PDB file of N, CA and C in Angstrom:
ATOM      1  N   MET A   1      37.387 -52.817-100.195  1.00  0.00           N
ATOM      2  CA  MET A   1      37.302 -51.969 -99.019  1.00  0.00           C
ATOM      3  C   MET A   1      36.859 -52.815 -97.828  1.00  0.00           C
ATOM      4  N   PRO A   2      37.656 -52.802 -96.761  1.00  0.00           N
ATOM      5  CA  PRO A   2      37.300 -53.632 -95.597  1.00  0.00           C
ATOM      6  C   PRO A   2      36.083 -53.084 -94.877  1.00  0.00           C
ATOM      7  N   LYS A   3      35.338 -54.003 -94.319  1.00  0.00           N
ATOM      8  CA  LYS A   3      34.171 -53.609 -93.533  1.00  0.00           C
ATOM      9  C   LYS A   3      34.628 -53.052 -92.197  1.00  0.00           C
ATOM     10  N   ARG A   4      33.882 -52.064 -91.709  1.00  0.00           N
ATOM     11  CA  ARG A   4      34.157 -51.510 -90.379  1.00  0.00           C
ATOM     12  C   ARG A   4      33.160 -52.105 -89.400  1.00  0.00           C
ATOM     13  N   SER A   5      33.630 -52.355 -88.229  1.00  0.00           N
ATOM     14  CA  SER A   5      32.733 -52.893 -87.209  1.00  0.00           C
ATOM     15  C   SER A   5      31.761 -51.806 -86.757  1.00  0.00           C
ATOM     16  N   ARG A   6      30.667 -52.251 -86.198  1.00  0.00           N
ATOM     17  CA  ARG A   6      29.690 -51.283 -85.671  1.00  0.00           C
ATOM     18  C   ARG A   6      30.332 -50.432 -84.574  1.00  0.00           C
ATOM     19  N   ARG A   7      31.181 -51.059 -83.771  1.00  0.00           N
ATOM     20  CA  ARG A   7      31.866 -50.318 -82.722  1.00  0.00           C
ATOM     21  C   ARG A   7      32.702 -49.194 -83.319  1.00  0.00           C
ATOM     22  N   ALA A   8      33.397 -49.477 -84.406  1.00  0.00           N
ATOM     23  CA  ALA A   8      34.227 -48.455 -85.057  1.00  0.00           C
ATOM     24  C   ALA A   8      33.365 -47.344 -85.650  1.00  0.00           C
ATOM     25  N   VAL A   9      32.227 -47.698 -86.230  1.00  0.00           N
ATOM     26  CA  VAL A   9      31.314 -46.708 -86.798  1.00  0.00           C
ATOM     27  C   VAL A   9      30.751 -45.821 -85.690  1.00  0.00           C
ATOM     28  N   ILE A  10      30.313 -46.448 -84.604  1.00  0.00           N
ATOM     29  CA  ILE A  10      29.764 -45.696 -83.470  1.00  0.00           C
ATOM     30  C   ILE A  10      30.838 -44.796 -82.870  1.00  0.00           C
ATOM     31  N   ALA A  11      32.035 -45.335 -82.687  1.00  0.00           N
ATOM     32  CA  ALA A  11      33.135 -44.531 -82.139  1.00  0.00           C
ATOM     33  C   ALA A  11      33.444 -43.347 -83.044  1.00  0.00           C
ATOM     34  N   GLY A  12      33.392 -43.571 -84.351  1.00  0.00           N
ATOM     35  CA  GLY A  12      33.616 -42.483 -85.305  1.00  0.00           C
ATOM     36  C   GLY A  12      32.564 -41.400 -85.179  1.00  0.00           C
ATOM     37  N   HIS A  13      31.306 -41.807 -85.048  1.00  0.00           N
ATOM     38  CA  HIS A  13      30.212 -40.835 -84.878  1.00  0.00           C
ATOM     39  C   HIS A  13      30.362 -40.057 -83.573  1.00  0.00           C
ATOM     40  N   VAL A  14      30.718 -40.754 -82.511  1.00  0.00           N
ATOM     41  CA  VAL A  14      30.893 -40.094 -81.213  1.00  0.00           C
ATOM     42  C   VAL A  14      32.038 -39.083 -81.293  1.00  0.00           C
ATOM     43  N   ALA A  15      33.133 -39.473 -81.919  1.00  0.00           N
ATOM     44  CA  ALA A  15      34.279 -38.563 -82.060  1.00  0.00           C
ATOM     45  C   ALA A  15      33.899 -37.334 -82.892  1.00  0.00           C
ATOM     46  N   GLU A  16      33.145 -37.560 -83.949  1.00  0.00           N
ATOM     47  CA  GLU A  16      32.691 -36.450 -84.796  1.00  0.00           C
ATOM     48  C   GLU A  16      31.770 -35.516 -84.007  1.00  0.00           C
ATOM     49  N   LEU A  17      30.854 -36.097 -83.249  1.00  0.00           N
ATOM     50  CA  LEU A  17      29.940 -35.306 -82.436  1.00  0.00           C
ATOM     51  C   LEU A  17      30.700 -34.521 -81.379  1.00  0.00           C
ATOM     52  N   ARG A  18      31.663 -35.148 -80.737  1.00  0.00           N
ATOM     53  CA  ARG A  18      32.466 -34.471 -79.719  1.00  0.00           C
ATOM     54  C   ARG A  18      33.180 -33.254 -80.324  1.00  0.00           C
ATOM     55  N   GLU A  19      33.713 -33.408 -81.519  1.00  0.00           N
ATOM     56  CA  GLU A  19      34.406 -32.311 -82.186  1.00  0.00           C
ATOM     57  C   GLU A  19      33.432 -31.168 -82.512  1.00  0.00           C
ATOM     58  N   LYS A  20      32.227 -31.520 -82.976  1.00  0.00           N
ATOM     59  CA  LYS A  20      31.217 -30.496 -83.273  1.00  0.00           C
ATOM     60  C   LYS A  20      30.838 -29.732 -82.010  1.00  0.00           C
ATOM     61  N   VAL A  21      30.612 -30.458 -80.918  1.00  0.00           N
ATOM     62  CA  VAL A  21      30.246 -29.829 -79.643  1.00  0.00           C
ATOM     63  C   VAL A  21      31.378 -28.918 -79.179  1.00  0.00           C
ATOM     64  N   LYS A  22      32.608 -29.400 -79.273  1.00  0.00           N
ATOM     65  CA  LYS A  22      33.770 -28.607 -78.870  1.00  0.00           C
ATOM     66  C   LYS A  22      33.838 -27.308 -79.677  1.00  0.00           C
ATOM     67  N   ASN A  23      33.653 -27.413 -80.997  1.00  0.00           N
ATOM     68  CA  ASN A  23      33.705 -26.224 -81.849  1.00  0.00           C
ATOM     69  C   ASN A  23      32.572 -25.260 -81.539  1.00  0.00           C
ATOM     70  N   ARG A  24      31.373 -25.786 -81.334  1.00  0.00           N
ATOM     71  CA  ARG A  24      30.231 -24.925 -81.022  1.00  0.00           C
ATOM     72  C   ARG A  24      30.391 -24.286 -79.645  1.00  0.00           C
ATOM     73  N   ALA A  25      30.900 -25.042 -78.697  1.00  0.00           N
ATOM     74  CA  ALA A  25      31.118 -24.493 -77.354  1.00  0.00           C
ATOM     75  C   ALA A  25      32.142 -23.359 -77.423  1.00  0.00           C
ATOM     76  N   GLU A  26      33.198 -23.554 -78.209  1.00  0.00           N
ATOM     77  CA  GLU A  26      34.212 -22.509 -78.350  1.00  0.00           C
ATOM     78  C   GLU A  26      33.632 -21.272 -79.025  1.00  0.00           C
ATOM     79  N   ASP A  27      32.799 -21.486 -80.066  1.00  0.00           N
ATOM     80  CA  ASP A  27      32.140 -20.352 -80.730  1.00  0.00           C
ATOM     81  C   ASP A  27      31.253 -19.599 -79.749  1.00  0.00           C
ATOM     82  N   LEU A  28      30.494 -20.346 -78.944  1.00  0.00           N
ATOM     83  CA  LEU A  28      29.621 -19.728 -77.950  1.00  0.00           C
ATOM     84  C   LEU A  28      30.440 -18.950 -76.923  1.00  0.00           C
ATOM     85  N   ARG A  29      31.544 -19.523 -76.493  1.00  0.00           N
ATOM     86  CA  ARG A  29      32.414 -18.854 -75.520  1.00  0.00           C
ATOM     87  C   ARG A  29      32.947 -17.548 -76.102  1.00  0.00           C
ATOM     88  N   LEU A  30      33.381 -17.569 -77.349  1.00  0.00           N
ATOM     89  CA  LEU A  30      33.909 -16.352 -77.980  1.00  0.00           C
ATOM     90  C   LEU A  30      32.823 -15.293 -78.159  1.00  0.00           C
ATOM     91  N   GLN A  31      31.622 -15.711 -78.548  1.00  0.00           N
ATOM     92  CA  GLN A  31      30.500 -14.764 -78.677  1.00  0.00           C
ATOM     93  C   GLN A  31      30.171 -14.154 -77.319  1.00  0.00           C
ATOM     94  N   THR A  32      30.164 -14.975 -76.295  1.00  0.00           N
ATOM     95  CA  THR A  32      29.874 -14.499 -74.940  1.00  0.00           C
ATOM     96  C   THR A  32      30.922 -13.487 -74.505  1.00  0.00           C
ATOM     97  N   LEU A  33      32.183 -13.777 -74.773  1.00  0.00           N
ATOM     98  CA  LEU A  33      33.255 -12.848 -74.412  1.00  0.00           C
ATOM     99  C   LEU A  33      33.129 -11.522 -75.158  1.00  0.00           C
ATOM    100  N   ARG A  34      32.777 -11.562 -76.442  1.00  0.00           N
ATOM    101  CA  ARG A  34      32.590 -10.321 -77.216  1.00  0.00           C
ATOM    102  C   ARG A  34      31.464  -9.480 -76.620  1.00  0.00           C
ATOM    103  N   CYS A  35      30.359 -10.130 -76.282  1.00  0.00           N
ATOM    104  CA  CYS A  35      29.218  -9.416 -75.702  1.00  0.00           C
ATOM    105  C   CYS A  35      29.587  -8.827 -74.340  1.00  0.00           C
ATOM    106  N   LEU A  36      30.246  -9.615 -73.505  1.00  0.00           N
ATOM    107  CA  LEU A  36      30.647  -9.121 -72.189  1.00  0.00           C
ATOM    108  C   LEU A  36      31.615  -7.945 -72.313  1.00  0.00           C
ATOM    109  N   LYS A  37      32.525  -8.006 -73.283  1.00  0.00           N
ATOM    110  CA  LYS A  37      33.467  -6.910 -73.483  1.00  0.00           C
ATOM    111  C   LYS A  37      32.728  -5.629 -73.860  1.00  0.00           C
ATOM    112  N   GLU A  38      31.724  -5.749 -74.722  1.00  0.00           N
ATOM    113  CA  GLU A  38      30.932  -4.579 -75.117  1.00  0.00           C
ATOM    114  C   GLU A  38      30.203  -3.983 -73.910  1.00  0.00           C
ATOM    115  N   VAL A  39      29.586  -4.838 -73.100  1.00  0.00           N
ATOM    116  CA  VAL A  39      28.869  -4.367 -71.914  1.00  0.00           C
ATOM    117  C   VAL A  39      29.855  -3.766 -70.913  1.00  0.00           C
ATOM    118  N   PHE A  40      31.038  -4.386 -70.769  1.00  0.00           N
ATOM    119  CA  PHE A  40      32.062  -3.847 -69.880  1.00  0.00           C
ATOM    120  C   PHE A  40      32.463  -2.437 -70.316  1.00  0.00           C
ATOM    121  N   ASN A  41      32.678  -2.251 -71.610  1.00  0.00           N
ATOM    122  CA  ASN A  41      33.056  -0.921 -72.116  1.00  0.00           C
ATOM    123  C   ASN A  41      31.970   0.112 -71.823  1.00  0.00           C
ATOM    124  N   LEU A  42      30.709  -0.250 -72.022  1.00  0.00           N
ATOM    125  CA  LEU A  42      29.604   0.677 -71.750  1.00  0.00           C
ATOM    126  C   LEU A  42      29.535   1.051 -70.272  1.00  0.00           C
ATOM    127  N   THR A  43      29.654   0.057 -69.402  1.00  0.00           N
ATOM    128  CA  THR A  43      29.567   0.346 -67.973  1.00  0.00           C
ATOM    129  C   THR A  43      30.801   1.116 -67.492  1.00  0.00           C
ATOM    130  N   SER A  44      31.948   0.839 -68.082  1.00  0.00           N
ATOM    131  CA  SER A  44      33.164   1.571 -67.717  1.00  0.00           C
ATOM    132  C   SER A  44      33.043   3.042 -68.091  1.00  0.00           C
ATOM    133  N   GLU A  45      32.430   3.319 -69.240  1.00  0.00           N
ATOM    134  CA  GLU A  45      32.218   4.708 -69.655  1.00  0.00           C
ATOM    135  C   GLU A  45      31.305   5.433 -68.673  1.00  0.00           C
ATOM    136  N   LEU A  46      30.264   4.741 -68.210  1.00  0.00           N
ATOM    137  CA  LEU A  46      29.363   5.342 -67.225  1.00  0.00           C
ATOM    138  C   LEU A  46      30.090   5.556 -65.898  1.00  0.00           C
ATOM    139  N   ALA A  47      30.827   4.562 -65.464  1.00  0.00           N
ATOM    140  CA  ALA A  47      31.525   4.653 -64.173  1.00  0.00           C
ATOM    141  C   ALA A  47      32.620   5.708 -64.201  1.00  0.00           C
ATOM    142  N   GLY A  48      33.299   5.826 -65.331  1.00  0.00           N
ATOM    143  CA  GLY A  48      34.440   6.735 -65.434  1.00  0.00           C
ATOM    144  C   GLY A  48      34.076   8.176 -65.736  1.00  0.00           C
ATOM    145  N   GLY A  49      32.812   8.455 -65.966  1.00  0.00           N
ATOM    146  CA  GLY A  49      32.390   9.825 -66.213  1.00  0.00           C
ATOM    147  C   GLY A  49      32.449  10.256 -67.665  1.00  0.00           C
ATOM    148  N   GLU A  50      32.779   9.342 -68.574  1.00  0.00           N
ATOM    149  CA  GLU A  50      32.790   9.681 -69.995  1.00  0.00           C
ATOM    150  C   GLU A  50      31.379   9.973 -70.489  1.00  0.00           C
ATOM    151  N   ILE A  51      30.414   9.280 -69.915  1.00  0.00           N
ATOM    152  CA  ILE A  51      29.007   9.517 -70.224  1.00  0.00           C
ATOM    153  C   ILE A  51      28.430  10.306 -69.059  1.00  0.00           C
ATOM    154  N   LYS A  52      27.922  11.485 -69.342  1.00  0.00           N
ATOM    155  CA  LYS A  52      27.456  12.394 -68.280  1.00  0.00           C
ATOM    156  C   LYS A  52      25.976  12.225 -67.951  1.00  0.00           C
ATOM    157  N   THR A  53      25.186  11.785 -68.940  1.00  0.00           N
ATOM    158  CA  THR A  53      23.736  11.660 -68.732  1.00  0.00           C
ATOM    159  C   THR A  53      23.275  10.290 -69.207  1.00  0.00           C
ATOM    160  N   GLN A  54      22.100   9.909 -68.696  1.00  0.00           N
ATOM    161  CA  GLN A  54      21.452   8.692 -69.184  1.00  0.00           C
ATOM    162  C   GLN A  54      19.955   8.951 -69.234  1.00  0.00           C
ATOM    163  N   THR A  55      19.287   8.256 -70.116  1.00  0.00           N
ATOM    164  CA  THR A  55      17.850   8.422 -70.280  1.00  0.00           C
ATOM    165  C   THR A  55      17.146   7.260 -69.607  1.00  0.00           C
ATOM    166  N   GLU A  56      16.221   7.589 -68.738  1.00  0.00           N
ATOM    167  CA  GLU A  56      15.449   6.585 -68.014  1.00  0.00           C
ATOM    168  C   GLU A  56      14.001   7.041 -68.036  1.00  0.00           C
ATOM    169  N   GLY A  57      13.119   6.190 -68.526  1.00  0.00           N
ATOM    170  CA  GLY A  57      11.699   6.547 -68.588  1.00  0.00           C
ATOM    171  C   GLY A  57      11.440   7.762 -69.463  1.00  0.00           C
ATOM    172  N   GLY A  58      12.238   7.933 -70.515  1.00  0.00           N
ATOM    173  CA  GLY A  58      12.051   9.046 -71.438  1.00  0.00           C
ATOM    174  C   GLY A  58      12.638  10.357 -70.953  1.00  0.00           C
ATOM    175  N   LYS A  59      13.243  10.365 -69.781  1.00  0.00           N
ATOM    176  CA  LYS A  59      13.829  11.586 -69.226  1.00  0.00           C
ATOM    177  C   LYS A  59      15.346  11.455 -69.180  1.00  0.00           C
ATOM    178  N   THR A  60      16.027  12.495 -69.643  1.00  0.00           N
ATOM    179  CA  THR A  60      17.474  12.519 -69.576  1.00  0.00           C
ATOM    180  C   THR A  60      17.898  13.144 -68.260  1.00  0.00           C
ATOM    181  N   GLN A  61      18.778  12.435 -67.541  1.00  0.00           N
ATOM    182  CA  GLN A  61      19.235  12.918 -66.239  1.00  0.00           C
ATOM    183  C   GLN A  61      20.735  12.740 -66.141  1.00  0.00           C
ATOM    184  N   ARG A  62      21.352  13.579 -65.318  1.00  0.00           N
ATOM    185  CA  ARG A  62      22.792  13.451 -65.060  1.00  0.00           C
ATOM    186  C   ARG A  62      23.049  12.185 -64.246  1.00  0.00           C
ATOM    187  N   VAL A  63      24.166  11.558 -64.505  1.00  0.00           N
ATOM    188  CA  VAL A  63      24.557  10.373 -63.753  1.00  0.00           C
ATOM    189  C   VAL A  63      25.236  10.852 -62.473  1.00  0.00           C
ATOM    190  N   THR A  64      24.690  10.433 -61.339  1.00  0.00           N
ATOM    191  CA  THR A  64      25.215  10.887 -60.048  1.00  0.00           C
ATOM    192  C   THR A  64      26.451  10.075 -59.652  1.00  0.00           C
ATOM    193  N   ILE A  65      27.165  10.574 -58.653  1.00  0.00           N
ATOM    194  CA  ILE A  65      28.328   9.855 -58.120  1.00  0.00           C
ATOM    195  C   ILE A  65      27.906   8.480 -57.598  1.00  0.00           C
ATOM    196  N   GLY A  66      26.773   8.427 -56.913  1.00  0.00           N
ATOM    197  CA  GLY A  66      26.273   7.151 -56.392  1.00  0.00           C
ATOM    198  C   GLY A  66      26.009   6.154 -57.511  1.00  0.00           C
ATOM    199  N   GLU A  67      25.422   6.625 -58.601  1.00  0.00           N
ATOM    200  CA  GLU A  67      25.168   5.747 -59.737  1.00  0.00           C
ATOM    201  C   GLU A  67      26.487   5.306 -60.378  1.00  0.00           C
ATOM    202  N   ARG A  68      27.455   6.215 -60.441  1.00  0.00           N
ATOM    203  CA  ARG A  68      28.765   5.863 -61.009  1.00  0.00           C
ATOM    204  C   ARG A  68      29.427   4.757 -60.183  1.00  0.00           C
ATOM    205  N   LYS A  69      29.272   4.838 -58.862  1.00  0.00           N
ATOM    206  CA  LYS A  69      29.833   3.795 -57.992  1.00  0.00           C
ATOM    207  C   LYS A  69      29.191   2.444 -58.285  1.00  0.00           C
ATOM    208  N   ILE A  70      27.886   2.453 -58.478  1.00  0.00           N
ATOM    209  CA  ILE A  70      27.191   1.201 -58.790  1.00  0.00           C
ATOM    210  C   ILE A  70      27.652   0.680 -60.150  1.00  0.00           C
ATOM    211  N   TRP A  71      27.787   1.587 -61.147  1.00  0.00           N
ATOM    212  CA  TRP A  71      28.263   1.158 -62.466  1.00  0.00           C
ATOM    213  C   TRP A  71      29.683   0.610 -62.375  1.00  0.00           C
ATOM    214  N   LEU A  72      30.495   1.169 -61.500  1.00  0.00           N
ATOM    215  CA  LEU A  72      31.846   0.657 -61.296  1.00  0.00           C
ATOM    216  C   LEU A  72      31.787  -0.768 -60.748  1.00  0.00           C
ATOM    217  N   HIS A  73      30.869  -1.000 -59.825  1.00  0.00           N
ATOM    218  CA  HIS A  73      30.679  -2.337 -59.262  1.00  0.00           C
ATOM    219  C   HIS A  73      30.212  -3.301 -60.359  1.00  0.00           C
ATOM    220  N   VAL A  74      29.304  -2.835 -61.225  1.00  0.00           N
ATOM    221  CA  VAL A  74      28.824  -3.663 -62.337  1.00  0.00           C
ATOM    222  C   VAL A  74      29.991  -4.013 -63.263  1.00  0.00           C
ATOM    223  N   ALA A  75      30.810  -3.015 -63.601  1.00  0.00           N
ATOM    224  CA  ALA A  75      31.961  -3.250 -64.485  1.00  0.00           C
ATOM    225  C   ALA A  75      32.919  -4.261 -63.861  1.00  0.00           C
ATOM    226  N   SER A  76      33.119  -4.151 -62.560  1.00  0.00           N
ATOM    227  CA  SER A  76      33.988  -5.090 -61.850  1.00  0.00           C
ATOM    228  C   SER A  76      33.436  -6.511 -61.938  1.00  0.00           C
ATOM    229  N   LYS A  77      32.138  -6.635 -61.759  1.00  0.00           N
ATOM    230  CA  LYS A  77      31.488  -7.945 -61.828  1.00  0.00           C
ATOM    231  C   LYS A  77      31.602  -8.519 -63.242  1.00  0.00           C
ATOM    232  N   ILE A  78      31.466  -7.657 -64.245  1.00  0.00           N
ATOM    233  CA  ILE A  78      31.592  -8.114 -65.637  1.00  0.00           C
ATOM    234  C   ILE A  78      33.017  -8.609 -65.884  1.00  0.00           C
ATOM    235  N   ALA A  79      34.004  -7.890 -65.367  1.00  0.00           N
ATOM    236  CA  ALA A  79      35.395  -8.320 -65.522  1.00  0.00           C
ATOM    237  C   ALA A  79      35.598  -9.701 -64.905  1.00  0.00           C
ATOM    238  N   HIS A  80      35.001  -9.925 -63.752  1.00  0.00           N
ATOM    239  CA  HIS A  80      35.083 -11.229 -63.093  1.00  0.00           C
ATOM    240  C   HIS A  80      34.415 -12.305 -63.959  1.00  0.00           C
ATOM    241  N   THR A  81      33.261 -11.967 -64.556  1.00  0.00           N
ATOM    242  CA  THR A  81      32.551 -12.910 -65.422  1.00  0.00           C
ATOM    243  C   THR A  81      33.379 -13.222 -66.664  1.00  0.00           C
ATOM    244  N   ILE A  82      34.045 -12.211 -67.217  1.00  0.00           N
ATOM    245  CA  ILE A  82      34.918 -12.421 -68.373  1.00  0.00           C
ATOM    246  C   ILE A  82      36.027 -13.406 -68.004  1.00  0.00           C
ATOM    247  N   GLU A  83      36.572 -13.252 -66.817  1.00  0.00           N
ATOM    248  CA  GLU A  83      37.623 -14.155 -66.352  1.00  0.00           C
ATOM    249  C   GLU A  83      37.110 -15.595 -66.280  1.00  0.00           C
ATOM    250  N   ILE A  84      35.899 -15.758 -65.778  1.00  0.00           N
ATOM    251  CA  ILE A  84      35.305 -17.098 -65.662  1.00  0.00           C
ATOM    252  C   ILE A  84      35.072 -17.702 -67.044  1.00  0.00           C
ATOM    253  N   VAL A  85      34.501 -16.911 -67.963  1.00  0.00           N
ATOM    254  CA  VAL A  85      34.213 -17.413 -69.303  1.00  0.00           C
ATOM    255  C   VAL A  85      35.514 -17.715 -70.051  1.00  0.00           C
ATOM    256  N   SER A  86      36.543 -16.900 -69.818  1.00  0.00           N
ATOM    257  CA  SER A  86      37.834 -17.122 -70.478  1.00  0.00           C
ATOM    258  C   SER A  86      38.446 -18.460 -70.096  1.00  0.00           C
ATOM    259  N   SER A  87      38.197 -18.890 -68.868  1.00  0.00           N
ATOM    260  CA  SER A  87      38.800 -20.135 -68.408  1.00  0.00           C
ATOM    261  C   SER A  87      38.017 -21.364 -68.849  1.00  0.00           C
ATOM    262  N   GLY A  88      36.826 -21.197 -69.360  1.00  0.00           N
ATOM    263  CA  GLY A  88      36.036 -22.335 -69.834  1.00  0.00           C
ATOM    264  C   GLY A  88      34.562 -22.015 -69.804  1.00  0.00           C
ATOM    265  N   LEU A  89      33.775 -22.975 -70.235  1.00  0.00           N
ATOM    266  CA  LEU A  89      32.335 -22.771 -70.288  1.00  0.00           C
ATOM    267  C   LEU A  89      31.653 -23.607 -69.208  1.00  0.00           C
ATOM    268  N   ASP A  90      31.458 -23.027 -68.045  1.00  0.00           N
ATOM    269  CA  ASP A  90      30.704 -23.654 -66.975  1.00  0.00           C
ATOM    270  C   ASP A  90      29.357 -22.940 -66.946  1.00  0.00           C
ATOM    271  N   GLU A  91      28.383 -23.530 -67.628  1.00  0.00           N
ATOM    272  CA  GLU A  91      27.094 -22.876 -67.827  1.00  0.00           C
ATOM    273  C   GLU A  91      26.438 -22.459 -66.511  1.00  0.00           C
ATOM    274  N   LYS A  92      26.482 -23.318 -65.523  1.00  0.00           N
ATOM    275  CA  LYS A  92      25.849 -23.009 -64.233  1.00  0.00           C
ATOM    276  C   LYS A  92      26.506 -21.786 -63.591  1.00  0.00           C
ATOM    277  N   LYS A  93      27.832 -21.773 -63.581  1.00  0.00           N
ATOM    278  CA  LYS A  93      28.567 -20.664 -62.980  1.00  0.00           C
ATOM    279  C   LYS A  93      28.319 -19.361 -63.745  1.00  0.00           C
ATOM    280  N   ILE A  94      28.314 -19.441 -65.067  1.00  0.00           N
ATOM    281  CA  ILE A  94      28.073 -18.252 -65.893  1.00  0.00           C
ATOM    282  C   ILE A  94      26.676 -17.709 -65.639  1.00  0.00           C
ATOM    283  N   ASN A  95      25.687 -18.591 -65.559  1.00  0.00           N
ATOM    284  CA  ASN A  95      24.315 -18.138 -65.287  1.00  0.00           C
ATOM    285  C   ASN A  95      24.209 -17.466 -63.924  1.00  0.00           C
ATOM    286  N   MET A  96      24.921 -17.991 -62.938  1.00  0.00           N
ATOM    287  CA  MET A  96      24.910 -17.358 -61.615  1.00  0.00           C
ATOM    288  C   MET A  96      25.501 -15.947 -61.705  1.00  0.00           C
ATOM    289  N   GLU A  97      26.593 -15.799 -62.426  1.00  0.00           N
ATOM    290  CA  GLU A  97      27.230 -14.493 -62.590  1.00  0.00           C
ATOM    291  C   GLU A  97      26.296 -13.526 -63.315  1.00  0.00           C
ATOM    292  N   LEU A  98      25.621 -14.006 -64.361  1.00  0.00           N
ATOM    293  CA  LEU A  98      24.723 -13.141 -65.122  1.00  0.00           C
ATOM    294  C   LEU A  98      23.518 -12.717 -64.282  1.00  0.00           C
ATOM    295  N   GLU A  99      23.028 -13.614 -63.424  1.00  0.00           N
ATOM    296  CA  GLU A  99      21.927 -13.246 -62.523  1.00  0.00           C
ATOM    297  C   GLU A  99      22.362 -12.131 -61.582  1.00  0.00           C
ATOM    298  N   GLU A 100      23.586 -12.232 -61.056  1.00  0.00           N
ATOM    299  CA  GLU A 100      24.099 -11.179 -60.174  1.00  0.00           C
ATOM    300  C   GLU A 100      24.228  -9.858 -60.933  1.00  0.00           C
ATOM    301  N   LEU A 101      24.677  -9.934 -62.180  1.00  0.00           N
ATOM    302  CA  LEU A 101      24.790  -8.719 -63.000  1.00  0.00           C
ATOM    303  C   LEU A 101      23.429  -8.071 -63.206  1.00  0.00           C
ATOM    304  N   GLU A 102      22.425  -8.893 -63.504  1.00  0.00           N
ATOM    305  CA  GLU A 102      21.073  -8.356 -63.681  1.00  0.00           C
ATOM    306  C   GLU A 102      20.607  -7.639 -62.416  1.00  0.00           C
ATOM    307  N   GLY A 103      20.907  -8.226 -61.263  1.00  0.00           N
ATOM    308  CA  GLY A 103      20.536  -7.603 -59.994  1.00  0.00           C
ATOM    309  C   GLY A 103      21.223  -6.262 -59.804  1.00  0.00           C
ATOM    310  N   LEU A 104      22.501  -6.177 -60.179  1.00  0.00           N
ATOM    311  CA  LEU A 104      23.229  -4.910 -60.050  1.00  0.00           C
ATOM    312  C   LEU A 104      22.672  -3.850 -60.984  1.00  0.00           C
ATOM    313  N   VAL A 105      22.339  -4.247 -62.201  1.00  0.00           N
ATOM    314  CA  VAL A 105      21.759  -3.293 -63.147  1.00  0.00           C
ATOM    315  C   VAL A 105      20.403  -2.824 -62.642  1.00  0.00           C
ATOM    316  N   ASP A 106      19.613  -3.729 -62.069  1.00  0.00           N
ATOM    317  CA  ASP A 106      18.328  -3.336 -61.475  1.00  0.00           C
ATOM    318  C   ASP A 106      18.552  -2.340 -60.335  1.00  0.00           C
ATOM    319  N   LYS A 107      19.627  -2.524 -59.586  1.00  0.00           N
ATOM    320  CA  LYS A 107      19.952  -1.620 -58.489  1.00  0.00           C
ATOM    321  C   LYS A 107      20.171  -0.197 -59.004  1.00  0.00           C
ATOM    322  N   VAL A 108      20.840  -0.085 -60.153  1.00  0.00           N
ATOM    323  CA  VAL A 108      21.039   1.243 -60.749  1.00  0.00           C
ATOM    324  C   VAL A 108      19.689   1.837 -61.139  1.00  0.00           C
ATOM    325  N   GLY A 109      18.819   1.022 -61.719  1.00  0.00           N
ATOM    326  CA  GLY A 109      17.490   1.497 -62.099  1.00  0.00           C
ATOM    327  C   GLY A 109      16.705   2.001 -60.903  1.00  0.00           C
ATOM    328  N   LYS A 110      16.805   1.306 -59.782  1.00  0.00           N
ATOM    329  CA  LYS A 110      16.110   1.739 -58.566  1.00  0.00           C
ATOM    330  C   LYS A 110      16.698   3.050 -58.060  1.00  0.00           C
ATOM    331  N   GLU A 111      18.015   3.199 -58.182  1.00  0.00           N
ATOM    332  CA  GLU A 111      18.672   4.438 -57.759  1.00  0.00           C
ATOM    333  C   GLU A 111      18.177   5.624 -58.601  1.00  0.00           C
ATOM    334  N   VAL A 112      18.021   5.389 -59.903  1.00  0.00           N
ATOM    335  CA  VAL A 112      17.537   6.443 -60.797  1.00  0.00           C
ATOM    336  C   VAL A 112      16.089   6.801 -60.458  1.00  0.00           C
ATOM    337  N   LYS A 113      15.254   5.781 -60.233  1.00  0.00           N
ATOM    338  CA  LYS A 113      13.850   6.046 -59.892  1.00  0.00           C
ATOM    339  C   LYS A 113      13.744   6.795 -58.567  1.00  0.00           C
ATOM    340  N   LYS A 114      14.600   6.416 -57.609  1.00  0.00           N
ATOM    341  CA  LYS A 114      14.617   7.087 -56.322  1.00  0.00           C
ATOM    342  C   LYS A 114      14.966   8.569 -56.513  1.00  0.00           C
ATOM    343  N   LYS A 115      15.912   8.827 -57.399  1.00  0.00           N
ATOM    344  CA  LYS A 115      16.313  10.195 -57.692  1.00  0.00           C
ATOM    345  C   LYS A 115      15.160  10.963 -58.330  1.00  0.00           C
ATOM    346  N   GLU A 116      14.396  10.307 -59.208  1.00  0.00           N
ATOM    347  CA  GLU A 116      13.243  10.960 -59.843  1.00  0.00           C
ATOM    348  C   GLU A 116      12.207  11.374 -58.802  1.00  0.00           C
ATOM    349  N   ILE A 117      11.969  10.496 -57.828  1.00  0.00           N
ATOM    350  CA  ILE A 117      10.973  10.780 -56.784  1.00  0.00           C
ATOM    351  C   ILE A 117      11.422  11.971 -55.936  1.00  0.00           C
ATOM    352  N   GLU A 118      12.729  12.027 -55.644  1.00  0.00           N
ATOM    353  CA  GLU A 118      13.251  13.104 -54.825  1.00  0.00           C
ATOM    354  C   GLU A 118      13.181  14.448 -55.550  1.00  0.00           C
ATOM    355  N   ASN A 119      13.295  14.415 -56.863  1.00  0.00           N
ATOM    356  CA  ASN A 119      13.254  15.679 -57.645  1.00  0.00           C
ATOM    357  C   ASN A 119      11.865  16.009 -57.993  1.00  0.00           C
TER     358      ASN A 119
END
């Protein structure tokens, strides 16, 4: 059996590592897409009126038109994030999108709390 040079051994390890990273990145991308699809479906149901009430702070309340509009905006943002993740894994860009999503969801929470104060 011929000896392999250190360069060949190192190159082999690097190639193996690159393949592992590629496979793990693809697995992560697919998991992310599955999760985003689930969240998209939930927000679409809220925006589309399929879900009539939501529970906030232990109280069940009807979802208002204003809240549905915000949920529609959230669903739209999720669709945009799905598009970004589908095209590749840019961690920085994905994190920026997820931060914006968190802000939109917080906006719905503030709308619900505002409604509680008014009632």
